[in-house]
Amino acid sequence: MIVNLLLTAVLAICALCDIKRRQLPLTVLLAGLLTGAGVMIMQTGLQPALLARLFLGALPGAVLLSVSLGTGGAVGLGDAALFMVSGVYLGFWENLFLLLMSLLLAGLWGTGMLVTKMGGRKTTLPLAPFVLVSFAALEVLKVVCR
């Protein structure tokens, strides 16, 4: 429960900053990463399995980081860091699902902008708001599917 609240706070702050400034606050991302790892260690103790979970959880963000570097910034470095942080909280599969849902929502939004002529092919979208909405949907799905 506390893990979800912490991640929600990080995502909400990042979403607001991404909308307003098109930049994610490094201090919030770093604090979220350290807090998430600290809470996980306090809950389960420092074990090799936990370290593997933290590493694997951050893997989708690391892949995004390589995509960002390979495409000259088509995907923001902050977005990659955001998925590394969320992976610490969620683990690999949930983080991968979060990434896919976020990209799907952003793609649908972008398509709507193209169709309504509110944006063009080169229009950039802030990703963090879609991550926040996707995380909320993921949490609702977890409750409904229990």
N, C-alpha and C. Protein backbone atom coordinates (compact mmCIF):
# COMPACT_ATOMS: atom_id res chain seq x y z
N MET A 1 0.83 -1.20 0.00
CA MET A 1 0.00 0.00 0.00
C MET A 1 0.87 1.26 0.00
N ILE A 2 1.86 1.32 0.90
CA ILE A 2 2.72 2.50 0.96
C ILE A 2 3.55 2.63 -0.31
N VAL A 3 3.92 1.49 -0.89
CA VAL A 3 4.69 1.50 -2.13
C VAL A 3 3.86 2.14 -3.25
N ASN A 4 2.58 1.81 -3.32
CA ASN A 4 1.71 2.39 -4.34
C ASN A 4 1.54 3.88 -4.15
N LEU A 5 1.42 4.32 -2.90
CA LEU A 5 1.28 5.75 -2.64
C LEU A 5 2.54 6.52 -3.01
N LEU A 6 3.70 5.95 -2.69
CA LEU A 6 4.95 6.59 -3.06
C LEU A 6 5.11 6.70 -4.57
N LEU A 7 4.81 5.62 -5.27
CA LEU A 7 4.92 5.64 -6.73
C LEU A 7 3.90 6.60 -7.34
N THR A 8 2.71 6.64 -6.79
CA THR A 8 1.70 7.58 -7.28
C THR A 8 2.17 9.01 -7.12
N ALA A 9 2.78 9.32 -5.98
CA ALA A 9 3.29 10.68 -5.74
C ALA A 9 4.38 11.03 -6.75
N VAL A 10 5.31 10.12 -6.98
CA VAL A 10 6.39 10.36 -7.95
C VAL A 10 5.80 10.57 -9.34
N LEU A 11 4.87 9.71 -9.73
CA LEU A 11 4.28 9.82 -11.07
C LEU A 11 3.47 11.10 -11.23
N ALA A 12 2.74 11.49 -10.19
CA ALA A 12 1.93 12.71 -10.26
C ALA A 12 2.81 13.95 -10.39
N ILE A 13 3.86 14.02 -9.60
CA ILE A 13 4.78 15.17 -9.69
C ILE A 13 5.43 15.21 -11.06
N CYS A 14 5.87 14.07 -11.54
CA CYS A 14 6.51 14.01 -12.85
C CYS A 14 5.54 14.37 -13.97
N ALA A 15 4.28 13.92 -13.86
CA ALA A 15 3.29 14.24 -14.88
C ALA A 15 3.05 15.74 -14.95
N LEU A 16 2.91 16.37 -13.80
CA LEU A 16 2.69 17.82 -13.78
C LEU A 16 3.89 18.57 -14.36
N CYS A 17 5.08 18.17 -13.99
CA CYS A 17 6.29 18.83 -14.52
C CYS A 17 6.44 18.59 -16.02
N ASP A 18 6.09 17.39 -16.47
CA ASP A 18 6.21 17.06 -17.89
C ASP A 18 5.22 17.89 -18.72
N ILE A 19 4.02 18.08 -18.20
CA ILE A 19 3.03 18.90 -18.91
C ILE A 19 3.48 20.36 -18.94
N LYS A 20 3.95 20.83 -17.79
CA LYS A 20 4.26 22.25 -17.65
C LYS A 20 5.59 22.64 -18.31
N ARG A 21 6.64 21.84 -18.09
CA ARG A 21 7.97 22.22 -18.54
C ARG A 21 8.58 21.29 -19.58
N ARG A 22 7.91 20.17 -19.87
CA ARG A 22 8.44 19.15 -20.79
C ARG A 22 9.78 18.60 -20.30
N GLN A 23 9.89 18.54 -18.98
CA GLN A 23 11.11 18.03 -18.36
C GLN A 23 10.74 17.38 -17.03
N LEU A 24 11.35 16.25 -16.73
CA LEU A 24 11.09 15.57 -15.48
C LEU A 24 12.14 15.97 -14.45
N PRO A 25 11.71 16.20 -13.19
CA PRO A 25 12.65 16.64 -12.17
C PRO A 25 13.56 15.50 -11.71
N LEU A 26 14.84 15.67 -11.93
CA LEU A 26 15.81 14.65 -11.57
C LEU A 26 15.80 14.37 -10.08
N THR A 27 15.60 15.41 -9.27
CA THR A 27 15.59 15.20 -7.81
C THR A 27 14.44 14.30 -7.38
N VAL A 28 13.28 14.48 -8.01
CA VAL A 28 12.12 13.64 -7.68
C VAL A 28 12.37 12.20 -8.13
N LEU A 29 12.94 12.04 -9.30
CA LEU A 29 13.24 10.69 -9.80
C LEU A 29 14.26 9.99 -8.91
N LEU A 30 15.30 10.71 -8.53
CA LEU A 30 16.32 10.12 -7.66
C LEU A 30 15.76 9.80 -6.28
N ALA A 31 14.97 10.72 -5.73
CA ALA A 31 14.34 10.46 -4.42
C ALA A 31 13.38 9.28 -4.51
N GLY A 32 12.63 9.19 -5.60
CA GLY A 32 11.72 8.07 -5.79
C GLY A 32 12.44 6.74 -5.90
N LEU A 33 13.57 6.75 -6.60
CA LEU A 33 14.37 5.55 -6.77
C LEU A 33 14.93 5.08 -5.43
N LEU A 34 15.53 5.99 -4.70
CA LEU A 34 16.14 5.63 -3.41
C LEU A 34 15.09 5.24 -2.38
N THR A 35 13.98 5.96 -2.35
CA THR A 35 12.90 5.64 -1.41
C THR A 35 12.29 4.28 -1.73
N GLY A 36 12.03 4.05 -3.00
CA GLY A 36 11.45 2.76 -3.41
C GLY A 36 12.35 1.60 -3.06
N ALA A 37 13.64 1.73 -3.36
CA ALA A 37 14.58 0.66 -3.04
C ALA A 37 14.68 0.48 -1.53
N GLY A 38 14.68 1.60 -0.79
CA GLY A 38 14.76 1.51 0.68
C GLY A 38 13.55 0.83 1.28
N VAL A 39 12.37 1.17 0.79
CA VAL A 39 11.15 0.54 1.31
C VAL A 39 11.14 -0.95 1.00
N MET A 40 11.55 -1.31 -0.21
CA MET A 40 11.58 -2.73 -0.57
C MET A 40 12.56 -3.50 0.31
N ILE A 41 13.71 -2.90 0.59
CA ILE A 41 14.70 -3.55 1.45
C ILE A 41 14.17 -3.68 2.86
N MET A 42 13.48 -2.65 3.35
CA MET A 42 12.91 -2.72 4.71
C MET A 42 11.82 -3.78 4.79
N GLN A 43 11.04 -3.95 3.74
CA GLN A 43 9.95 -4.92 3.77
C GLN A 43 10.44 -6.36 3.71
N THR A 44 11.47 -6.61 2.92
CA THR A 44 11.88 -7.99 2.71
C THR A 44 13.29 -8.31 3.19
N GLY A 45 14.05 -7.30 3.51
CA GLY A 45 15.44 -7.53 3.88
C GLY A 45 16.30 -7.56 2.62
N LEU A 46 17.58 -7.35 2.80
CA LEU A 46 18.51 -7.32 1.68
C LEU A 46 18.87 -8.74 1.28
N GLN A 47 18.24 -9.22 0.21
CA GLN A 47 18.44 -10.58 -0.25
C GLN A 47 18.83 -10.56 -1.72
N PRO A 48 19.51 -11.59 -2.20
CA PRO A 48 19.85 -11.64 -3.63
C PRO A 48 18.60 -11.61 -4.52
N ALA A 49 17.53 -12.24 -4.08
CA ALA A 49 16.30 -12.24 -4.89
C ALA A 49 15.73 -10.84 -5.04
N LEU A 50 15.82 -10.03 -3.99
CA LEU A 50 15.33 -8.66 -4.06
C LEU A 50 16.20 -7.83 -5.00
N LEU A 51 17.50 -8.01 -4.92
CA LEU A 51 18.40 -7.27 -5.82
C LEU A 51 18.13 -7.63 -7.27
N ALA A 52 17.87 -8.90 -7.54
CA ALA A 52 17.53 -9.32 -8.90
C ALA A 52 16.21 -8.70 -9.33
N ARG A 53 15.23 -8.64 -8.42
CA ARG A 53 13.92 -8.05 -8.73
C ARG A 53 14.07 -6.56 -9.06
N LEU A 54 14.88 -5.86 -8.27
CA LEU A 54 15.10 -4.43 -8.52
C LEU A 54 15.78 -4.21 -9.87
N PHE A 55 16.79 -5.02 -10.16
CA PHE A 55 17.50 -4.89 -11.42
C PHE A 55 16.59 -5.20 -12.60
N LEU A 56 15.87 -6.32 -12.53
CA LEU A 56 14.97 -6.70 -13.63
C LEU A 56 13.83 -5.71 -13.79
N GLY A 57 13.35 -5.17 -12.68
CA GLY A 57 12.27 -4.18 -12.75
C GLY A 57 12.69 -2.94 -13.51
N ALA A 58 13.94 -2.55 -13.35
CA ALA A 58 14.45 -1.35 -14.03
C ALA A 58 14.83 -1.62 -15.49
N LEU A 59 14.82 -2.87 -15.90
CA LEU A 59 15.26 -3.23 -17.26
C LEU A 59 14.46 -2.55 -18.38
N PRO A 60 13.12 -2.48 -18.33
CA PRO A 60 12.41 -1.76 -19.39
C PRO A 60 12.86 -0.30 -19.51
N GLY A 61 13.15 0.34 -18.40
CA GLY A 61 13.66 1.70 -18.43
C GLY A 61 15.04 1.77 -19.05
N ALA A 62 15.87 0.76 -18.78
CA ALA A 62 17.21 0.72 -19.37
C ALA A 62 17.13 0.53 -20.88
N VAL A 63 16.18 -0.27 -21.33
CA VAL A 63 15.97 -0.45 -22.78
C VAL A 63 15.53 0.88 -23.39
N LEU A 64 14.61 1.58 -22.72
CA LEU A 64 14.19 2.91 -23.20
C LEU A 64 15.37 3.87 -23.25
N LEU A 65 16.25 3.78 -22.28
CA LEU A 65 17.43 4.62 -22.27
C LEU A 65 18.28 4.38 -23.51
N SER A 66 18.47 3.12 -23.87
CA SER A 66 19.25 2.82 -25.07
C SER A 66 18.53 3.30 -26.33
N VAL A 67 17.21 3.20 -26.35
CA VAL A 67 16.43 3.73 -27.48
C VAL A 67 16.59 5.24 -27.57
N SER A 68 16.54 5.91 -26.43
CA SER A 68 16.71 7.36 -26.39
C SER A 68 18.07 7.77 -26.94
N LEU A 69 19.10 7.09 -26.49
CA LEU A 69 20.45 7.41 -26.95
C LEU A 69 20.63 7.06 -28.42
N GLY A 70 19.99 5.97 -28.86
CA GLY A 70 20.12 5.53 -30.25
C GLY A 70 19.34 6.37 -31.24
N THR A 71 18.29 7.04 -30.78
CA THR A 71 17.46 7.83 -31.69
C THR A 71 17.70 9.33 -31.55
N GLY A 72 18.70 9.69 -30.79
CA GLY A 72 18.99 11.11 -30.63
C GLY A 72 17.96 11.85 -29.81
N GLY A 73 17.29 11.16 -28.92
CA GLY A 73 16.36 11.82 -28.01
C GLY A 73 14.90 11.76 -28.42
N ALA A 74 14.54 10.86 -29.35
CA ALA A 74 13.13 10.72 -29.72
C ALA A 74 12.29 10.31 -28.51
N VAL A 75 12.88 9.51 -27.67
CA VAL A 75 12.30 9.20 -26.36
C VAL A 75 13.18 9.94 -25.35
N GLY A 76 12.55 10.67 -24.44
CA GLY A 76 13.32 11.47 -23.51
C GLY A 76 14.09 10.63 -22.49
N LEU A 77 15.22 11.15 -22.07
CA LEU A 77 16.00 10.49 -21.03
C LEU A 77 15.22 10.42 -19.72
N GLY A 78 14.43 11.45 -19.45
CA GLY A 78 13.62 11.48 -18.25
C GLY A 78 12.57 10.37 -18.25
N ASP A 79 11.99 10.11 -19.43
CA ASP A 79 11.01 9.03 -19.53
C ASP A 79 11.65 7.68 -19.24
N ALA A 80 12.86 7.49 -19.74
CA ALA A 80 13.59 6.25 -19.46
C ALA A 80 13.87 6.13 -17.96
N ALA A 81 14.29 7.23 -17.35
CA ALA A 81 14.56 7.22 -15.90
C ALA A 81 13.28 6.96 -15.12
N LEU A 82 12.16 7.50 -15.60
CA LEU A 82 10.88 7.28 -14.92
C LEU A 82 10.52 5.80 -14.90
N PHE A 83 10.78 5.09 -16.00
CA PHE A 83 10.48 3.66 -16.03
C PHE A 83 11.48 2.84 -15.23
N MET A 84 12.69 3.35 -15.05
CA MET A 84 13.62 2.68 -14.15
C MET A 84 13.12 2.79 -12.71
N VAL A 85 12.60 3.97 -12.36
CA VAL A 85 12.06 4.18 -11.01
C VAL A 85 10.81 3.33 -10.80
N SER A 86 9.90 3.34 -11.75
CA SER A 86 8.67 2.55 -11.58
C SER A 86 8.98 1.06 -11.50
N GLY A 87 10.04 0.64 -12.18
CA GLY A 87 10.42 -0.77 -12.14
C GLY A 87 10.88 -1.22 -10.77
N VAL A 88 11.49 -0.31 -10.01
CA VAL A 88 11.90 -0.64 -8.65
C VAL A 88 10.67 -0.96 -7.81
N TYR A 89 9.59 -0.24 -8.03
CA TYR A 89 8.36 -0.44 -7.27
C TYR A 89 7.55 -1.63 -7.78
N LEU A 90 7.52 -1.82 -9.09
CA LEU A 90 6.58 -2.78 -9.68
C LEU A 90 7.17 -4.14 -10.04
N GLY A 91 8.43 -4.19 -10.34
CA GLY A 91 9.01 -5.42 -10.86
C GLY A 91 8.91 -5.44 -12.37
N PHE A 92 9.53 -6.46 -12.98
CA PHE A 92 9.67 -6.50 -14.43
C PHE A 92 8.35 -6.54 -15.18
N TRP A 93 7.50 -7.52 -14.90
CA TRP A 93 6.29 -7.73 -15.71
C TRP A 93 5.29 -6.59 -15.57
N GLU A 94 5.09 -6.12 -14.35
CA GLU A 94 4.16 -5.00 -14.17
C GLU A 94 4.71 -3.73 -14.81
N ASN A 95 6.00 -3.53 -14.73
CA ASN A 95 6.61 -2.34 -15.33
C ASN A 95 6.53 -2.42 -16.86
N LEU A 96 6.75 -3.60 -17.40
CA LEU A 96 6.63 -3.78 -18.85
C LEU A 96 5.20 -3.52 -19.30
N PHE A 97 4.23 -4.01 -18.54
CA PHE A 97 2.81 -3.77 -18.84
C PHE A 97 2.50 -2.28 -18.75
N LEU A 98 3.05 -1.61 -17.73
CA LEU A 98 2.87 -0.17 -17.57
C LEU A 98 3.44 0.57 -18.78
N LEU A 99 4.61 0.18 -19.23
CA LEU A 99 5.22 0.81 -20.39
C LEU A 99 4.34 0.62 -21.64
N LEU A 100 3.87 -0.59 -21.85
CA LEU A 100 3.03 -0.86 -23.03
C LEU A 100 1.72 -0.09 -22.97
N MET A 101 1.09 -0.06 -21.80
CA MET A 101 -0.16 0.70 -21.65
C MET A 101 0.07 2.19 -21.89
N SER A 102 1.17 2.71 -21.36
CA SER A 102 1.48 4.13 -21.52
C SER A 102 1.71 4.48 -22.98
N LEU A 103 2.45 3.65 -23.68
CA LEU A 103 2.71 3.90 -25.09
C LEU A 103 1.43 3.77 -25.92
N LEU A 104 0.57 2.82 -25.56
CA LEU A 104 -0.70 2.67 -26.25
C LEU A 104 -1.57 3.92 -26.07
N LEU A 105 -1.69 4.39 -24.83
CA LEU A 105 -2.49 5.60 -24.58
C LEU A 105 -1.91 6.81 -25.28
N ALA A 106 -0.59 6.97 -25.23
CA ALA A 106 0.05 8.10 -25.91
C ALA A 106 -0.17 8.00 -27.43
N GLY A 107 -0.09 6.80 -27.96
CA GLY A 107 -0.33 6.59 -29.39
C GLY A 107 -1.76 6.92 -29.79
N LEU A 108 -2.71 6.51 -28.96
CA LEU A 108 -4.11 6.84 -29.23
C LEU A 108 -4.34 8.34 -29.17
N TRP A 109 -3.74 8.99 -28.17
CA TRP A 109 -3.87 10.44 -28.03
C TRP A 109 -3.26 11.14 -29.26
N GLY A 110 -2.08 10.70 -29.66
CA GLY A 110 -1.41 11.28 -30.82
C GLY A 110 -2.22 11.07 -32.09
N THR A 111 -2.81 9.90 -32.24
CA THR A 111 -3.67 9.64 -33.39
C THR A 111 -4.86 10.58 -33.40
N GLY A 112 -5.46 10.78 -32.22
CA GLY A 112 -6.58 11.72 -32.12
C GLY A 112 -6.16 13.14 -32.49
N MET A 113 -4.95 13.51 -32.09
CA MET A 113 -4.45 14.85 -32.45
C MET A 113 -4.23 14.98 -33.96
N LEU A 114 -3.74 13.91 -34.58
CA LEU A 114 -3.55 13.93 -36.03
C LEU A 114 -4.88 14.02 -36.77
N VAL A 115 -5.83 13.21 -36.33
CA VAL A 115 -7.13 13.17 -37.00
C VAL A 115 -7.85 14.51 -36.88
N THR A 116 -7.77 15.12 -35.71
CA THR A 116 -8.46 16.40 -35.49
C THR A 116 -7.62 17.59 -35.94
N LYS A 117 -6.44 17.31 -36.51
CA LYS A 117 -5.53 18.36 -36.99
C LYS A 117 -5.06 19.31 -35.88
N MET A 118 -5.02 18.80 -34.64
CA MET A 118 -4.50 19.59 -33.51
C MET A 118 -2.99 19.43 -33.36
N GLY A 119 -2.44 18.52 -34.12
CA GLY A 119 -1.01 18.27 -34.07
C GLY A 119 -0.57 17.64 -35.37
N GLY A 120 0.72 17.61 -35.56
CA GLY A 120 1.28 17.02 -36.77
C GLY A 120 2.17 15.85 -36.44
N ARG A 121 2.86 15.37 -37.48
CA ARG A 121 3.75 14.23 -37.32
C ARG A 121 4.89 14.50 -36.35
N LYS A 122 5.32 15.73 -36.27
CA LYS A 122 6.46 16.10 -35.43
C LYS A 122 6.05 16.61 -34.05
N THR A 123 4.77 16.61 -33.74
CA THR A 123 4.29 17.07 -32.43
C THR A 123 4.79 16.12 -31.35
N THR A 124 5.37 16.69 -30.30
CA THR A 124 5.84 15.86 -29.19
C THR A 124 4.78 15.81 -28.10
N LEU A 125 4.74 14.70 -27.41
CA LEU A 125 3.80 14.51 -26.31
C LEU A 125 4.56 14.23 -25.03
N PRO A 126 4.10 14.78 -23.91
CA PRO A 126 4.69 14.39 -22.63
C PRO A 126 4.21 12.98 -22.27
N LEU A 127 5.12 12.10 -21.92
CA LEU A 127 4.75 10.71 -21.65
C LEU A 127 4.30 10.48 -20.21
N ALA A 128 4.83 11.25 -19.26
CA ALA A 128 4.54 11.01 -17.85
C ALA A 128 3.05 11.03 -17.50
N PRO A 129 2.23 11.93 -18.09
CA PRO A 129 0.79 11.87 -17.77
C PRO A 129 0.15 10.54 -18.18
N PHE A 130 0.60 9.98 -19.29
CA PHE A 130 0.07 8.70 -19.73
C PHE A 130 0.54 7.56 -18.82
N VAL A 131 1.73 7.71 -18.26
CA VAL A 131 2.24 6.72 -17.30
C VAL A 131 1.38 6.76 -16.03
N LEU A 132 1.05 7.95 -15.57
CA LEU A 132 0.21 8.10 -14.38
C LEU A 132 -1.17 7.48 -14.60
N VAL A 133 -1.79 7.77 -15.72
CA VAL A 133 -3.12 7.21 -16.02
C VAL A 133 -3.03 5.70 -16.17
N SER A 134 -1.98 5.22 -16.81
CA SER A 134 -1.81 3.77 -16.98
C SER A 134 -1.59 3.07 -15.64
N PHE A 135 -0.84 3.71 -14.75
CA PHE A 135 -0.63 3.13 -13.43
C PHE A 135 -1.95 3.05 -12.67
N ALA A 136 -2.75 4.09 -12.75
CA ALA A 136 -4.07 4.06 -12.08
C ALA A 136 -4.93 2.94 -12.66
N ALA A 137 -4.92 2.79 -13.97
CA ALA A 137 -5.68 1.71 -14.61
C ALA A 137 -5.15 0.34 -14.20
N LEU A 138 -3.84 0.21 -14.09
CA LEU A 138 -3.22 -1.04 -13.65
C LEU A 138 -3.66 -1.41 -12.24
N GLU A 139 -3.70 -0.43 -11.36
CA GLU A 139 -4.13 -0.67 -9.99
C GLU A 139 -5.60 -1.06 -9.93
N VAL A 140 -6.44 -0.43 -10.72
CA VAL A 140 -7.86 -0.79 -10.79
C VAL A 140 -8.01 -2.21 -11.31
N LEU A 141 -7.25 -2.56 -12.35
CA LEU A 141 -7.30 -3.91 -12.89
C LEU A 141 -6.90 -4.96 -11.86
N LYS A 142 -5.89 -4.63 -11.04
CA LYS A 142 -5.47 -5.56 -9.99
C LYS A 142 -6.58 -5.82 -8.99
N VAL A 143 -7.32 -4.78 -8.65
CA VAL A 143 -8.42 -4.93 -7.69
C VAL A 143 -9.58 -5.71 -8.30
N VAL A 144 -9.91 -5.39 -9.54
CA VAL A 144 -11.04 -6.02 -10.21
C VAL A 144 -10.77 -7.49 -10.51
N CYS A 145 -9.54 -7.82 -10.85
CA CYS A 145 -9.21 -9.19 -11.25
C CYS A 145 -8.86 -10.11 -10.09
N ARG A 146 -8.95 -9.65 -8.86
CA ARG A 146 -8.66 -10.51 -7.71
C ARG A 146 -9.75 -11.48 -7.47
